[in-house]
Amino acid sequence: QLQLVESGGGLVQPGGSLRLSCAASGFTLNTYVIGWFRQAPGKEREGVSCISAGGYSTNYADSVKGRFTISGDNAKNTAYLQMNSLKPEDTAVYYCAVRRGLLWGRLCSPSDGFGSWGQGTQVTVSS
């Protein structure tokens, strides 16, 4: 059974950093496209960043480029989202998800066939 568990969220001041983790069990994480998504109150879930199977390519939302970095640790079967220079508008519940196939040449979307999702982790950026 595919399972994803996010962790690492919390309360941070503007300009601060957090690293989110997405631990996988029941499958080999780096054989899937991995996506990080977020949903703020009253807004639709949106793509933040995705990484291809094998980690060869990535994409990012324009709003996080240069501040966030997606990566993976094969030995730990875990993906990460390093978030630096956080802004209040980054406040949201962050989710990781996976799907089979290739990473397309555009930012991944929650409607791209991501069939397995974690439970989410809350990130709050506030002074």
Foldseek 3Di string as FASTA:
>chain_A
DKAWAKDWADEAAQQAKIKIKIAIPPDQQLQWKKWKWWDDPPGDIWTAKIAWRVRPDMDGDPVQPPFWDWDDDRVRSMIMIIGGRDDQVVWTWMKMFTDHDGDDPDGDGPPPHGDYMHPTDTHGYHD
